[in-house]
Amino acid sequence: MTDQEKTIVEEKVKSAIQQIRPYLQQDGGDVEYVDMTNEGVVMVRLQGHCGSCPHAMMSLKQGIETSIKEVIPEVKSVERVL
């Protein structure tokens, strides 16, 4: 992925995250975009209750990752950073 393509995809990812955030915030959690690799791996930081919730990985993979990948096929996975 070129730098220009990466920039475009990153903007789409940030927009998708903004749409997901209210659902997490309802339960006292949040998600923050951190970075994206040239291979399409998005790095996010889970915050609030999501940061310590035992179901955080399920929310990350089944909620956040699935939602982002549905609208942005260039994204290969979403990973959590601490």
C-alpha atoms as a PDB file:
ATOM      1  CA  MET A   1       0.000   0.000   0.000  1.00  0.00           C
ATOM      2  CA  THR A   2       1.400   3.393  -0.958  1.00  0.00           C
ATOM      3  CA  ASP A   3       1.604   6.230   1.548  1.00  0.00           C
ATOM      4  CA  GLN A   4      -1.267   7.991  -0.218  1.00  0.00           C
ATOM      5  CA  GLU A   5      -3.442   4.835  -0.139  1.00  0.00           C
ATOM      6  CA  LYS A   6      -2.586   4.320   3.527  1.00  0.00           C
ATOM      7  CA  THR A   7      -3.628   7.891   4.348  1.00  0.00           C
ATOM      8  CA  ILE A   8      -6.988   7.388   2.621  1.00  0.00           C
ATOM      9  CA  VAL A   9      -7.617   4.086   4.406  1.00  0.00           C
ATOM     10  CA  GLU A  10      -6.575   5.593   7.756  1.00  0.00           C
ATOM     11  CA  GLU A  11      -9.153   8.358   7.367  1.00  0.00           C
ATOM     12  CA  LYS A  12     -11.839   5.758   6.633  1.00  0.00           C
ATOM     13  CA  VAL A  13     -10.770   3.754   9.686  1.00  0.00           C
ATOM     14  CA  LYS A  14     -10.881   6.820  11.934  1.00  0.00           C
ATOM     15  CA  SER A  15     -14.374   7.616  10.651  1.00  0.00           C
ATOM     16  CA  ALA A  16     -15.532   4.033  11.284  1.00  0.00           C
ATOM     17  CA  ILE A  17     -14.111   4.147  14.817  1.00  0.00           C
ATOM     18  CA  GLN A  18     -16.010   7.377  15.491  1.00  0.00           C
ATOM     19  CA  GLN A  19     -19.219   5.556  14.571  1.00  0.00           C
ATOM     20  CA  ILE A  20     -18.403   2.633  16.903  1.00  0.00           C
ATOM     21  CA  ARG A  21     -17.315   4.710  19.907  1.00  0.00           C
ATOM     22  CA  PRO A  22     -20.805   5.682  21.172  1.00  0.00           C
ATOM     23  CA  TYR A  23     -21.713   2.008  21.651  1.00  0.00           C
ATOM     24  CA  LEU A  24     -18.603   1.397  23.733  1.00  0.00           C
ATOM     25  CA  GLN A  25     -19.073   4.633  25.663  1.00  0.00           C
ATOM     26  CA  GLN A  26     -22.569   3.517  26.705  1.00  0.00           C
ATOM     27  CA  ASP A  27     -20.891   0.770  28.726  1.00  0.00           C
ATOM     28  CA  GLY A  28     -18.142   3.001  30.123  1.00  0.00           C
ATOM     29  CA  GLY A  29     -15.523   2.041  27.552  1.00  0.00           C
ATOM     30  CA  ASP A  30     -13.882   3.641  24.549  1.00  0.00           C
ATOM     31  CA  VAL A  31     -11.509   2.926  21.679  1.00  0.00           C
ATOM     32  CA  GLU A  32      -8.679   5.071  20.344  1.00  0.00           C
ATOM     33  CA  TYR A  33      -7.013   4.746  16.932  1.00  0.00           C
ATOM     34  CA  VAL A  34      -3.244   4.372  17.320  1.00  0.00           C
ATOM     35  CA  ASP A  35      -1.743   3.411  13.951  1.00  0.00           C
ATOM     36  CA  MET A  36      -2.038   1.229  10.863  1.00  0.00           C
ATOM     37  CA  THR A  37       0.640  -0.866   9.181  1.00  0.00           C
ATOM     38  CA  ASN A  38       1.224  -0.921   5.433  1.00  0.00           C
ATOM     39  CA  GLU A  39      -0.186  -4.453   5.523  1.00  0.00           C
ATOM     40  CA  GLY A  40      -3.577  -3.190   6.726  1.00  0.00           C
ATOM     41  CA  VAL A  41      -3.335  -4.083  10.418  1.00  0.00           C
ATOM     42  CA  VAL A  42      -5.054  -1.417  12.526  1.00  0.00           C
ATOM     43  CA  MET A  43      -3.772  -0.787  16.048  1.00  0.00           C
ATOM     44  CA  VAL A  44      -6.236   0.495  18.656  1.00  0.00           C
ATOM     45  CA  ARG A  45      -6.136   1.161  22.370  1.00  0.00           C
ATOM     46  CA  LEU A  46      -9.128   0.092  24.442  1.00  0.00           C
ATOM     47  CA  GLN A  47      -9.928   2.528  27.223  1.00  0.00           C
ATOM     48  CA  GLY A  48     -12.163   2.812  30.251  1.00  0.00           C
ATOM     49  CA  HIS A  49     -14.053  -0.355  31.109  1.00  0.00           C
ATOM     50  CA  CYS A  50     -12.990  -1.888  27.790  1.00  0.00           C
ATOM     51  CA  GLY A  51      -9.368  -1.755  28.895  1.00  0.00           C
ATOM     52  CA  SER A  52      -9.967  -4.079  31.830  1.00  0.00           C
ATOM     53  CA  CYS A  53     -13.058  -6.006  30.754  1.00  0.00           C
ATOM     54  CA  PRO A  54     -12.660  -9.784  30.504  1.00  0.00           C
ATOM     55  CA  HIS A  55     -14.689  -9.632  27.266  1.00  0.00           C
ATOM     56  CA  ALA A  56     -12.454  -6.997  25.673  1.00  0.00           C
ATOM     57  CA  MET A  57     -10.959  -9.324  23.057  1.00  0.00           C
ATOM     58  CA  MET A  58     -14.414 -10.515  22.030  1.00  0.00           C
ATOM     59  CA  SER A  59     -15.578  -6.908  21.683  1.00  0.00           C
ATOM     60  CA  LEU A  60     -12.436  -6.096  19.722  1.00  0.00           C
ATOM     61  CA  LYS A  61     -12.665  -8.984  17.253  1.00  0.00           C
ATOM     62  CA  GLN A  62     -16.420  -9.523  16.945  1.00  0.00           C
ATOM     63  CA  GLY A  63     -17.457  -5.898  17.278  1.00  0.00           C
ATOM     64  CA  ILE A  64     -14.789  -3.413  16.280  1.00  0.00           C
ATOM     65  CA  GLU A  65     -12.832  -5.514  13.783  1.00  0.00           C
ATOM     66  CA  THR A  66     -15.932  -6.931  12.087  1.00  0.00           C
ATOM     67  CA  SER A  67     -17.518  -3.476  11.752  1.00  0.00           C
ATOM     68  CA  ILE A  68     -14.382  -1.922  10.276  1.00  0.00           C
ATOM     69  CA  LYS A  69     -13.637  -4.781   7.873  1.00  0.00           C
ATOM     70  CA  GLU A  70     -17.211  -4.706   6.525  1.00  0.00           C
ATOM     71  CA  VAL A  71     -16.800  -1.160   5.228  1.00  0.00           C
ATOM     72  CA  ILE A  72     -13.031  -1.084   4.638  1.00  0.00           C
ATOM     73  CA  PRO A  73     -11.852  -4.290   2.911  1.00  0.00           C
ATOM     74  CA  GLU A  74      -8.239  -3.065   2.912  1.00  0.00           C
ATOM     75  CA  VAL A  75      -8.122  -3.685   6.675  1.00  0.00           C
ATOM     76  CA  LYS A  76      -6.810  -7.176   7.391  1.00  0.00           C
ATOM     77  CA  SER A  77      -7.209  -7.157  11.182  1.00  0.00           C
ATOM     78  CA  VAL A  78      -7.605  -4.925  14.219  1.00  0.00           C
ATOM     79  CA  GLU A  79      -5.184  -5.474  17.082  1.00  0.00           C
ATOM     80  CA  ARG A  80      -5.060  -4.137  20.624  1.00  0.00           C
ATOM     81  CA  VAL A  81      -2.067  -2.239  21.947  1.00  0.00           C
ATOM     82  CA  LEU A  82      -1.538  -1.440  25.610  1.00  0.00           C
END
